[in-house]
Full PDB file with SEQRES, HELIX, SHEET, SSBOND, CRYST1, ORIGX, SCALE, CONECT and MASTER records, all heavy atoms in Angstrom:
SEQRES   1 A   36  HIS GLN SER GLN PHE TYR PHE VAL ASP ALA ASP GLY ASN          
SEQRES   2 A   36  VAL GLN TYR ALA LEU VAL ASP SER MET LEU PRO GLY ASP          
SEQRES   3 A   36  ILE ALA ARG ILE LEU LYS HIS LEU ALA ASN                      
HELIX    1 AA1 PRO A   24  ALA A   35  1                                  12    
SHEET    1 AA1 2 GLN A   4  VAL A   8  0                                        
SHEET    2 AA1 2 VAL A  14  VAL A  19 -1                                        
CRYST1    1.000    1.000    1.000  90.00  90.00  90.00 P 1           1          
ORIGX1      1.000000  0.000000  0.000000        0.00000                         
ORIGX2      0.000000  1.000000  0.000000        0.00000                         
ORIGX3      0.000000  0.000000  1.000000        0.00000                         
SCALE1      1.000000  0.000000  0.000000        0.00000                         
SCALE2      0.000000  1.000000  0.000000        0.00000                         
SCALE3      0.000000  0.000000  1.000000        0.00000                         
ATOM      1  N   HIS A   1       0.821  -1.264   0.009  1.00  0.00           N  
ATOM      2  CA  HIS A   1      -0.032  -0.027   0.027  1.00  0.00           C  
ATOM      3  C   HIS A   1       0.861   1.278  -0.044  1.00  0.00           C  
ATOM      4  O   HIS A   1       2.070   1.308   0.484  1.00  0.00           O  
ATOM      5  CB  HIS A   1      -0.906   0.003   1.290  1.00  0.00           C  
ATOM      6  CG  HIS A   1      -0.242   0.225   2.500  1.00  0.00           C  
ATOM      7  ND1 HIS A   1      -0.212   1.333   3.280  1.00  0.00           N  
ATOM      8  CD2 HIS A   1       0.534  -0.687   3.322  1.00  0.00           C  
ATOM      9  CE1 HIS A   1       0.463   1.188   4.356  1.00  0.00           C  
ATOM     10  NE2 HIS A   1       0.902  -0.062   4.424  1.00  0.00           N  
ATOM     11  N   GLN A   2       0.269   2.284  -0.380  1.00  0.00           N  
ATOM     12  CA  GLN A   2       0.928   3.666  -0.223  1.00  0.00           C  
ATOM     13  C   GLN A   2       0.950   4.071   1.188  1.00  0.00           C  
ATOM     14  O   GLN A   2      -0.100   3.854   1.957  1.00  0.00           O  
ATOM     15  CB  GLN A   2       0.172   4.763  -1.088  1.00  0.00           C  
ATOM     16  CG  GLN A   2       0.341   4.555  -2.608  1.00  0.00           C  
ATOM     17  CD  GLN A   2      -0.656   5.563  -3.298  1.00  0.00           C  
ATOM     18  OE1 GLN A   2      -1.950   5.472  -3.009  1.00  0.00           O  
ATOM     19  NE2 GLN A   2      -0.242   6.269  -4.178  1.00  0.00           N  
ATOM     20  N   SER A   3       2.008   4.606   1.528  1.00  0.00           N  
ATOM     21  CA  SER A   3       2.163   5.117   3.034  1.00  0.00           C  
ATOM     22  C   SER A   3       2.304   6.614   2.977  1.00  0.00           C  
ATOM     23  O   SER A   3       3.252   7.246   2.524  1.00  0.00           O  
ATOM     24  CB  SER A   3       3.421   4.519   3.591  1.00  0.00           C  
ATOM     25  OG  SER A   3       3.588   4.900   4.959  1.00  0.00           O  
ATOM     26  N   GLN A   4       1.150   7.245   3.486  1.00  0.00           N  
ATOM     27  CA  GLN A   4       1.109   8.731   3.460  1.00  0.00           C  
ATOM     28  C   GLN A   4       0.068   9.092   4.428  1.00  0.00           C  
ATOM     29  O   GLN A   4      -0.860   8.302   4.744  1.00  0.00           O  
ATOM     30  CB  GLN A   4       0.853   9.284   2.086  1.00  0.00           C  
ATOM     31  CG  GLN A   4      -0.499   8.776   1.533  1.00  0.00           C  
ATOM     32  CD  GLN A   4      -0.552   8.808   0.028  1.00  0.00           C  
ATOM     33  OE1 GLN A   4       0.352   8.654  -0.628  1.00  0.00           O  
ATOM     34  NE2 GLN A   4      -1.753   9.073  -0.529  1.00  0.00           N  
ATOM     35  N   PHE A   5       0.119  10.313   4.884  1.00  0.00           N  
ATOM     36  CA  PHE A   5      -0.932  10.887   5.752  1.00  0.00           C  
ATOM     37  C   PHE A   5      -1.889  11.720   4.985  1.00  0.00           C  
ATOM     38  O   PHE A   5      -1.555  12.407   4.035  1.00  0.00           O  
ATOM     39  CB  PHE A   5      -0.292  11.802   6.819  1.00  0.00           C  
ATOM     40  CG  PHE A   5       0.705  11.156   7.751  1.00  0.00           C  
ATOM     41  CD1 PHE A   5       2.123  11.333   7.692  1.00  0.00           C  
ATOM     42  CD2 PHE A   5       0.240  10.156   8.666  1.00  0.00           C  
ATOM     43  CE1 PHE A   5       2.924  10.760   8.473  1.00  0.00           C  
ATOM     44  CE2 PHE A   5       1.153   9.474   9.530  1.00  0.00           C  
ATOM     45  CZ  PHE A   5       2.549   9.781   9.393  1.00  0.00           C  
ATOM     46  N   TYR A   6      -3.112  11.720   5.426  1.00  0.00           N  
ATOM     47  CA  TYR A   6      -4.129  12.585   4.727  1.00  0.00           C  
ATOM     48  C   TYR A   6      -4.629  13.594   5.758  1.00  0.00           C  
ATOM     49  O   TYR A   6      -4.865  13.237   6.963  1.00  0.00           O  
ATOM     50  CB  TYR A   6      -5.335  11.710   4.301  1.00  0.00           C  
ATOM     51  CG  TYR A   6      -5.045  10.806   3.070  1.00  0.00           C  
ATOM     52  CD1 TYR A   6      -4.825   9.486   3.338  1.00  0.00           C  
ATOM     53  CD2 TYR A   6      -5.178  11.406   1.831  1.00  0.00           C  
ATOM     54  CE1 TYR A   6      -4.584   8.655   2.153  1.00  0.00           C  
ATOM     55  CE2 TYR A   6      -4.978  10.591   0.718  1.00  0.00           C  
ATOM     56  CZ  TYR A   6      -4.687   9.195   0.900  1.00  0.00           C  
ATOM     57  OH  TYR A   6      -4.423   8.471  -0.258  1.00  0.00           O  
ATOM     58  N   PHE A   7      -4.917  14.725   5.264  1.00  0.00           N  
ATOM     59  CA  PHE A   7      -5.461  15.901   6.129  1.00  0.00           C  
ATOM     60  C   PHE A   7      -6.804  16.229   5.655  1.00  0.00           C  
ATOM     61  O   PHE A   7      -7.018  16.645   4.476  1.00  0.00           O  
ATOM     62  CB  PHE A   7      -4.540  17.035   6.177  1.00  0.00           C  
ATOM     63  CG  PHE A   7      -3.182  16.769   6.894  1.00  0.00           C  
ATOM     64  CD1 PHE A   7      -2.195  16.041   6.218  1.00  0.00           C  
ATOM     65  CD2 PHE A   7      -2.949  16.935   8.170  1.00  0.00           C  
ATOM     66  CE1 PHE A   7      -0.980  15.721   6.845  1.00  0.00           C  
ATOM     67  CE2 PHE A   7      -1.825  16.755   8.918  1.00  0.00           C  
ATOM     68  CZ  PHE A   7      -0.780  16.136   8.199  1.00  0.00           C  
ATOM     69  N   VAL A   8      -7.770  16.163   6.478  1.00  0.00           N  
ATOM     70  CA  VAL A   8      -9.142  16.533   6.134  1.00  0.00           C  
ATOM     71  C   VAL A   8      -9.636  17.700   6.937  1.00  0.00           C  
ATOM     72  O   VAL A   8      -9.429  17.622   8.281  1.00  0.00           O  
ATOM     73  CB  VAL A   8     -10.151  15.273   6.293  1.00  0.00           C  
ATOM     74  CG1 VAL A   8     -11.608  15.560   5.976  1.00  0.00           C  
ATOM     75  CG2 VAL A   8      -9.569  14.041   5.583  1.00  0.00           C  
ATOM     76  N   ASP A   9     -10.186  18.662   6.352  1.00  0.00           N  
ATOM     77  CA  ASP A   9     -10.536  19.833   7.252  1.00  0.00           C  
ATOM     78  C   ASP A   9     -11.867  19.684   7.923  1.00  0.00           C  
ATOM     79  O   ASP A   9     -12.475  18.559   7.851  1.00  0.00           O  
ATOM     80  CB  ASP A   9     -10.674  21.099   6.310  1.00  0.00           C  
ATOM     81  CG  ASP A   9     -11.797  21.162   5.251  1.00  0.00           C  
ATOM     82  OD1 ASP A   9     -12.758  20.350   5.423  1.00  0.00           O  
ATOM     83  OD2 ASP A   9     -11.798  21.860   4.340  1.00  0.00           O  
ATOM     84  N   ALA A  10     -12.290  20.619   8.756  1.00  0.00           N  
ATOM     85  CA  ALA A  10     -13.418  20.449   9.702  1.00  0.00           C  
ATOM     86  C   ALA A  10     -14.689  20.261   8.872  1.00  0.00           C  
ATOM     87  O   ALA A  10     -15.743  19.754   9.480  1.00  0.00           O  
ATOM     88  CB  ALA A  10     -13.495  21.665  10.630  1.00  0.00           C  
ATOM     89  N   ASP A  11     -14.757  20.680   7.645  1.00  0.00           N  
ATOM     90  CA  ASP A  11     -15.976  20.457   6.815  1.00  0.00           C  
ATOM     91  C   ASP A  11     -15.998  19.072   6.074  1.00  0.00           C  
ATOM     92  O   ASP A  11     -16.927  18.856   5.306  1.00  0.00           O  
ATOM     93  CB  ASP A  11     -16.041  21.504   5.805  1.00  0.00           C  
ATOM     94  CG  ASP A  11     -16.228  22.932   6.376  1.00  0.00           C  
ATOM     95  OD1 ASP A  11     -16.891  23.038   7.439  1.00  0.00           O  
ATOM     96  OD2 ASP A  11     -15.642  23.974   5.942  1.00  0.00           O  
ATOM     97  N   GLY A  12     -14.878  18.322   6.323  1.00  0.00           N  
ATOM     98  CA  GLY A  12     -14.883  17.025   5.678  1.00  0.00           C  
ATOM     99  C   GLY A  12     -14.246  16.974   4.378  1.00  0.00           C  
ATOM    100  O   GLY A  12     -14.314  15.938   3.698  1.00  0.00           O  
ATOM    101  N   ASN A  13     -13.582  17.983   3.914  1.00  0.00           N  
ATOM    102  CA  ASN A  13     -12.926  18.046   2.613  1.00  0.00           C  
ATOM    103  C   ASN A  13     -11.452  17.638   2.816  1.00  0.00           C  
ATOM    104  O   ASN A  13     -10.700  18.147   3.656  1.00  0.00           O  
ATOM    105  CB  ASN A  13     -12.891  19.486   2.059  1.00  0.00           C  
ATOM    106  CG  ASN A  13     -14.411  20.070   1.866  1.00  0.00           C  
ATOM    107  OD1 ASN A  13     -15.243  19.323   1.400  1.00  0.00           O  
ATOM    108  ND2 ASN A  13     -14.546  21.273   2.481  1.00  0.00           N  
ATOM    109  N   VAL A  14     -11.048  16.705   1.923  1.00  0.00           N  
ATOM    110  CA  VAL A  14      -9.731  16.278   1.917  1.00  0.00           C  
ATOM    111  C   VAL A  14      -8.828  17.341   1.343  1.00  0.00           C  
ATOM    112  O   VAL A  14      -9.085  17.820   0.210  1.00  0.00           O  
ATOM    113  CB  VAL A  14      -9.504  14.988   1.051  1.00  0.00           C  
ATOM    114  CG1 VAL A  14      -8.123  14.403   1.190  1.00  0.00           C  
ATOM    115  CG2 VAL A  14     -10.387  13.937   1.444  1.00  0.00           C  
ATOM    116  N   GLN A  15      -7.840  17.822   2.092  1.00  0.00           N  
ATOM    117  CA  GLN A  15      -7.034  18.951   1.675  1.00  0.00           C  
ATOM    118  C   GLN A  15      -5.599  18.528   1.209  1.00  0.00           C  
ATOM    119  O   GLN A  15      -5.198  18.979   0.115  1.00  0.00           O  
ATOM    120  CB  GLN A  15      -6.909  19.902   2.814  1.00  0.00           C  
ATOM    121  CG  GLN A  15      -8.176  20.557   3.189  1.00  0.00           C  
ATOM    122  CD  GLN A  15      -8.647  21.622   2.279  1.00  0.00           C  
ATOM    123  OE1 GLN A  15      -7.916  22.101   1.394  1.00  0.00           O  
ATOM    124  NE2 GLN A  15      -9.917  21.950   2.399  1.00  0.00           N  
ATOM    125  N   TYR A  16      -4.963  17.739   1.991  1.00  0.00           N  
ATOM    126  CA  TYR A  16      -3.503  17.484   1.611  1.00  0.00           C  
ATOM    127  C   TYR A  16      -3.151  15.987   1.842  1.00  0.00           C  
ATOM    128  O   TYR A  16      -3.755  15.389   2.761  1.00  0.00           O  
ATOM    129  CB  TYR A  16      -2.512  18.318   2.445  1.00  0.00           C  
ATOM    130  CG  TYR A  16      -2.816  19.752   2.484  1.00  0.00           C  
ATOM    131  CD1 TYR A  16      -3.457  20.416   3.471  1.00  0.00           C  
ATOM    132  CD2 TYR A  16      -2.514  20.474   1.284  1.00  0.00           C  
ATOM    133  CE1 TYR A  16      -3.708  21.789   3.491  1.00  0.00           C  
ATOM    134  CE2 TYR A  16      -2.770  21.911   1.333  1.00  0.00           C  
ATOM    135  CZ  TYR A  16      -3.402  22.513   2.376  1.00  0.00           C  
ATOM    136  OH  TYR A  16      -3.672  23.887   2.386  1.00  0.00           O  
ATOM    137  N   ALA A  17      -2.157  15.525   1.154  1.00  0.00           N  
ATOM    138  CA  ALA A  17      -1.597  14.217   1.493  1.00  0.00           C  
ATOM    139  C   ALA A  17      -0.055  14.638   1.875  1.00  0.00           C  
ATOM    140  O   ALA A  17       0.497  15.504   1.207  1.00  0.00           O  
ATOM    141  CB  ALA A  17      -1.583  13.223   0.351  1.00  0.00           C  
ATOM    142  N   LEU A  18       0.474  13.962   2.884  1.00  0.00           N  
ATOM    143  CA  LEU A  18       1.896  14.302   3.223  1.00  0.00           C  
ATOM    144  C   LEU A  18       2.679  12.992   3.333  1.00  0.00           C  
ATOM    145  O   LEU A  18       2.188  11.937   3.714  1.00  0.00           O  
ATOM    146  CB  LEU A  18       1.969  14.890   4.668  1.00  0.00           C  
ATOM    147  CG  LEU A  18       1.958  16.387   4.719  1.00  0.00           C  
ATOM    148  CD1 LEU A  18       0.574  16.931   4.278  1.00  0.00           C  
ATOM    149  CD2 LEU A  18       2.214  16.898   6.201  1.00  0.00           C  
ATOM    150  N   VAL A  19       3.905  13.053   2.736  1.00  0.00           N  
ATOM    151  CA  VAL A  19       4.750  11.779   2.757  1.00  0.00           C  
ATOM    152  C   VAL A  19       4.986  11.485   4.136  1.00  0.00           C  
ATOM    153  O   VAL A  19       5.108  12.414   5.127  1.00  0.00           O  
ATOM    154  CB  VAL A  19       5.971  11.961   1.983  1.00  0.00           C  
ATOM    155  CG1 VAL A  19       5.666  12.179   0.508  1.00  0.00           C  
ATOM    156  CG2 VAL A  19       6.851  13.230   2.555  1.00  0.00           C  
ATOM    157  N   ASP A  20       5.191  10.189   4.427  1.00  0.00           N  
ATOM    158  CA  ASP A  20       5.375   9.703   5.842  1.00  0.00           C  
ATOM    159  C   ASP A  20       6.671  10.043   6.486  1.00  0.00           C  
ATOM    160  O   ASP A  20       6.974   9.783   7.677  1.00  0.00           O  
ATOM    161  CB  ASP A  20       5.057   8.240   5.994  1.00  0.00           C  
ATOM    162  CG  ASP A  20       5.993   7.368   5.134  1.00  0.00           C  
ATOM    163  OD1 ASP A  20       6.911   7.892   4.476  1.00  0.00           O  
ATOM    164  OD2 ASP A  20       5.696   6.144   5.095  1.00  0.00           O  
ATOM    165  N   SER A  21       7.617  10.567   5.627  1.00  0.00           N  
ATOM    166  CA  SER A  21       8.959  10.907   6.070  1.00  0.00           C  
ATOM    167  C   SER A  21       9.067  12.330   6.599  1.00  0.00           C  
ATOM    168  O   SER A  21      10.143  12.808   7.011  1.00  0.00           O  
ATOM    169  CB  SER A  21       9.975  10.747   4.943  1.00  0.00           C  
ATOM    170  OG  SER A  21       9.608  11.494   3.822  1.00  0.00           O  
ATOM    171  N   MET A  22       7.917  13.127   6.534  1.00  0.00           N  
ATOM    172  CA  MET A  22       7.839  14.468   6.941  1.00  0.00           C  
ATOM    173  C   MET A  22       8.163  14.553   8.449  1.00  0.00           C  
ATOM    174  O   MET A  22       7.727  13.704   9.279  1.00  0.00           O  
ATOM    175  CB  MET A  22       6.582  15.150   6.605  1.00  0.00           C  
ATOM    176  CG  MET A  22       6.647  16.639   6.550  1.00  0.00           C  
ATOM    177  SD  MET A  22       5.180  17.222   5.761  1.00  0.00           S  
ATOM    178  CE  MET A  22       5.595  18.995   5.698  1.00  0.00           C  
ATOM    179  N   LEU A  23       8.822  15.608   8.940  1.00  0.00           N  
ATOM    180  CA  LEU A  23       9.139  15.749  10.332  1.00  0.00           C  
ATOM    181  C   LEU A  23       7.775  16.035  11.183  1.00  0.00           C  
ATOM    182  O   LEU A  23       7.074  16.861  10.698  1.00  0.00           O  
ATOM    183  CB  LEU A  23      10.174  16.877  10.550  1.00  0.00           C  
ATOM    184  CG  LEU A  23      11.517  16.633  10.011  1.00  0.00           C  
ATOM    185  CD1 LEU A  23      12.416  17.795  10.152  1.00  0.00           C  
ATOM    186  CD2 LEU A  23      12.170  15.373  10.528  1.00  0.00           C  
ATOM    187  N   PRO A  24       7.783  15.461  12.427  1.00  0.00           N  
ATOM    188  CA  PRO A  24       6.509  15.670  13.227  1.00  0.00           C  
ATOM    189  C   PRO A  24       6.364  17.227  13.536  1.00  0.00           C  
ATOM    190  O   PRO A  24       5.160  17.605  13.601  1.00  0.00           O  
ATOM    191  CB  PRO A  24       6.874  14.996  14.535  1.00  0.00           C  
ATOM    192  CG  PRO A  24       7.774  13.778  14.079  1.00  0.00           C  
ATOM    193  CD  PRO A  24       8.661  14.501  12.953  1.00  0.00           C  
ATOM    194  N   GLY A  25       7.353  18.023  13.683  1.00  0.00           N  
ATOM    195  CA  GLY A  25       7.144  19.423  13.914  1.00  0.00           C  
ATOM    196  C   GLY A  25       6.559  20.080  12.796  1.00  0.00           C  
ATOM    197  O   GLY A  25       5.660  20.966  12.959  1.00  0.00           O  
ATOM    198  N   ASP A  26       6.921  19.763  11.470  1.00  0.00           N  
ATOM    199  CA  ASP A  26       6.255  20.384  10.334  1.00  0.00           C  
ATOM    200  C   ASP A  26       4.766  19.881  10.241  1.00  0.00           C  
ATOM    201  O   ASP A  26       3.904  20.719   9.803  1.00  0.00           O  
ATOM    202  CB  ASP A  26       7.074  20.030   9.113  1.00  0.00           C  
ATOM    203  CG  ASP A  26       8.398  20.649   9.048  1.00  0.00           C  
ATOM    204  OD1 ASP A  26       8.525  21.674   9.644  1.00  0.00           O  
ATOM    205  OD2 ASP A  26       9.313  20.119   8.352  1.00  0.00           O  
ATOM    206  N   ILE A  27       4.576  18.563  10.517  1.00  0.00           N  
ATOM    207  CA  ILE A  27       3.155  18.127  10.429  1.00  0.00           C  
ATOM    208  C   ILE A  27       2.275  18.785  11.448  1.00  0.00           C  
ATOM    209  O   ILE A  27       1.151  19.213  11.235  1.00  0.00           O  
ATOM    210  CB  ILE A  27       3.176  16.620  10.751  1.00  0.00           C  
ATOM    211  CG1 ILE A  27       3.854  15.894   9.582  1.00  0.00           C  
ATOM    212  CG2 ILE A  27       1.746  16.113  10.830  1.00  0.00           C  
ATOM    213  CD1 ILE A  27       4.019  14.371   9.681  1.00  0.00           C  
ATOM    214  N   ALA A  28       2.842  19.049  12.722  1.00  0.00           N  
ATOM    215  CA  ALA A  28       2.056  19.702  13.777  1.00  0.00           C  
ATOM    216  C   ALA A  28       1.763  21.124  13.286  1.00  0.00           C  
ATOM    217  O   ALA A  28       0.639  21.593  13.609  1.00  0.00           O  
ATOM    218  CB  ALA A  28       2.920  19.751  15.004  1.00  0.00           C  
ATOM    219  N   ARG A  29       2.619  21.840  12.574  1.00  0.00           N  
ATOM    220  CA  ARG A  29       2.279  23.252  12.108  1.00  0.00           C  
ATOM    221  C   ARG A  29       1.154  23.176  11.218  1.00  0.00           C  
ATOM    222  O   ARG A  29       0.237  24.024  11.199  1.00  0.00           O  
ATOM    223  CB  ARG A  29       3.472  23.934  11.490  1.00  0.00           C  
ATOM    224  CG  ARG A  29       4.497  24.340  12.652  1.00  0.00           C  
ATOM    225  CD  ARG A  29       5.584  25.226  11.986  1.00  0.00           C  
ATOM    226  NE  ARG A  29       6.599  24.441  11.223  1.00  0.00           N  
ATOM    227  CZ  ARG A  29       7.678  23.918  11.798  1.00  0.00           C  
ATOM    228  NH1 ARG A  29       7.816  24.003  13.134  1.00  0.00           N  
ATOM    229  NH2 ARG A  29       8.474  23.250  11.069  1.00  0.00           N  
ATOM    230  N   ILE A  30       1.005  22.173  10.308  1.00  0.00           N  
ATOM    231  CA  ILE A  30       0.041  22.161   9.362  1.00  0.00           C  
ATOM    232  C   ILE A  30      -1.218  21.735  10.064  1.00  0.00           C  
ATOM    233  O   ILE A  30      -2.394  22.189   9.813  1.00  0.00           O  
ATOM    234  CB  ILE A  30       0.322  21.032   8.264  1.00  0.00           C  
ATOM    235  CG1 ILE A  30       1.568  21.601   7.416  1.00  0.00           C  
ATOM    236  CG2 ILE A  30      -0.849  20.846   7.406  1.00  0.00           C  
ATOM    237  CD1 ILE A  30       2.048  20.560   6.433  1.00  0.00           C  
ATOM    238  N   LEU A  31      -1.286  20.789  10.962  1.00  0.00           N  
ATOM    239  CA  LEU A  31      -2.410  20.357  11.802  1.00  0.00           C  
ATOM    240  C   LEU A  31      -2.973  21.630  12.545  1.00  0.00           C  
ATOM    241  O   LEU A  31      -4.200  21.714  12.565  1.00  0.00           O  
ATOM    242  CB  LEU A  31      -2.054  19.260  12.762  1.00  0.00           C  
ATOM    243  CG  LEU A  31      -1.841  17.871  12.171  1.00  0.00           C  
ATOM    244  CD1 LEU A  31      -1.336  16.987  13.232  1.00  0.00           C  
ATOM    245  CD2 LEU A  31      -3.162  17.354  11.644  1.00  0.00           C  
ATOM    246  N   LYS A  32      -2.174  22.504  13.088  1.00  0.00           N  
ATOM    247  CA  LYS A  32      -2.546  23.595  13.828  1.00  0.00           C  
ATOM    248  C   LYS A  32      -3.309  24.543  12.911  1.00  0.00           C  
ATOM    249  O   LYS A  32      -4.300  25.203  13.247  1.00  0.00           O  
ATOM    250  CB  LYS A  32      -1.481  24.283  14.550  1.00  0.00           C  
ATOM    251  CG  LYS A  32      -0.981  23.562  15.887  1.00  0.00           C  
ATOM    252  CD  LYS A  32       0.118  24.369  16.537  1.00  0.00           C  
ATOM    253  CE  LYS A  32       0.513  23.678  17.834  1.00  0.00           C  
ATOM    254  NZ  LYS A  32       1.456  24.603  18.598  1.00  0.00           N  
ATOM    255  N   HIS A  33      -2.759  24.744  11.702  1.00  0.00           N  
ATOM    256  CA  HIS A  33      -3.401  25.567  10.685  1.00  0.00           C  
ATOM    257  C   HIS A  33      -4.793  25.088  10.342  1.00  0.00           C  
ATOM    258  O   HIS A  33      -5.700  25.832  10.307  1.00  0.00           O  
ATOM    259  CB  HIS A  33      -2.521  25.636   9.478  1.00  0.00           C  
ATOM    260  CG  HIS A  33      -3.239  25.830   8.207  1.00  0.00           C  
ATOM    261  ND1 HIS A  33      -3.982  27.029   8.021  1.00  0.00           N  
ATOM    262  CD2 HIS A  33      -3.445  25.137   7.012  1.00  0.00           C  
ATOM    263  CE1 HIS A  33      -4.540  27.039   6.772  1.00  0.00           C  
ATOM    264  NE2 HIS A  33      -4.228  25.852   6.212  1.00  0.00           N  
ATOM    265  N   LEU A  34      -4.917  23.788  10.145  1.00  0.00           N  
ATOM    266  CA  LEU A  34      -6.253  23.224   9.747  1.00  0.00           C  
ATOM    267  C   LEU A  34      -7.228  23.247  10.950  1.00  0.00           C  
ATOM    268  O   LEU A  34      -8.404  23.423  10.762  1.00  0.00           O  
ATOM    269  CB  LEU A  34      -6.095  21.689   9.392  1.00  0.00           C  
ATOM    270  CG  LEU A  34      -5.437  21.441   8.038  1.00  0.00           C  
ATOM    271  CD1 LEU A  34      -5.346  19.927   7.855  1.00  0.00           C  
ATOM    272  CD2 LEU A  34      -6.299  22.022   6.857  1.00  0.00           C  
ATOM    273  N   ALA A  35      -6.725  23.305  12.224  1.00  0.00           N  
ATOM    274  CA  ALA A  35      -7.598  23.289  13.330  1.00  0.00           C  
ATOM    275  C   ALA A  35      -8.050  24.678  13.667  1.00  0.00           C  
ATOM    276  O   ALA A  35      -9.011  24.823  14.528  1.00  0.00           O  
ATOM    277  CB  ALA A  35      -6.873  22.669  14.462  1.00  0.00           C  
ATOM    278  N   ASN A  36      -7.515  25.739  13.044  1.00  0.00           N  
ATOM    279  CA  ASN A  36      -7.826  27.055  13.421  1.00  0.00           C  
ATOM    280  C   ASN A  36      -8.615  27.791  12.263  1.00  0.00           C  
ATOM    281  O   ASN A  36      -8.725  27.297  11.230  1.00  0.00           O  
ATOM    282  CB  ASN A  36      -6.565  27.895  13.723  1.00  0.00           C  
ATOM    283  CG  ASN A  36      -5.869  27.332  14.920  1.00  0.00           C  
ATOM    284  OD1 ASN A  36      -6.564  27.077  15.954  1.00  0.00           O  
ATOM    285  ND2 ASN A  36      -4.556  27.379  14.977  1.00  0.00           N  
TER     286      ASN A  36                                                      
MASTER        0    0    0    1    2    0    0    6  285    1    0    3          
END                                                                             
């Protein structure tokens, strides 16, 4: 299978896929953006 993360906004829209090698700190910044 493909190994990647998916980010879905609060309205249920799929916004981004991120490679699984991305650093947790960078992922956290994107998550915070989606959550606000």
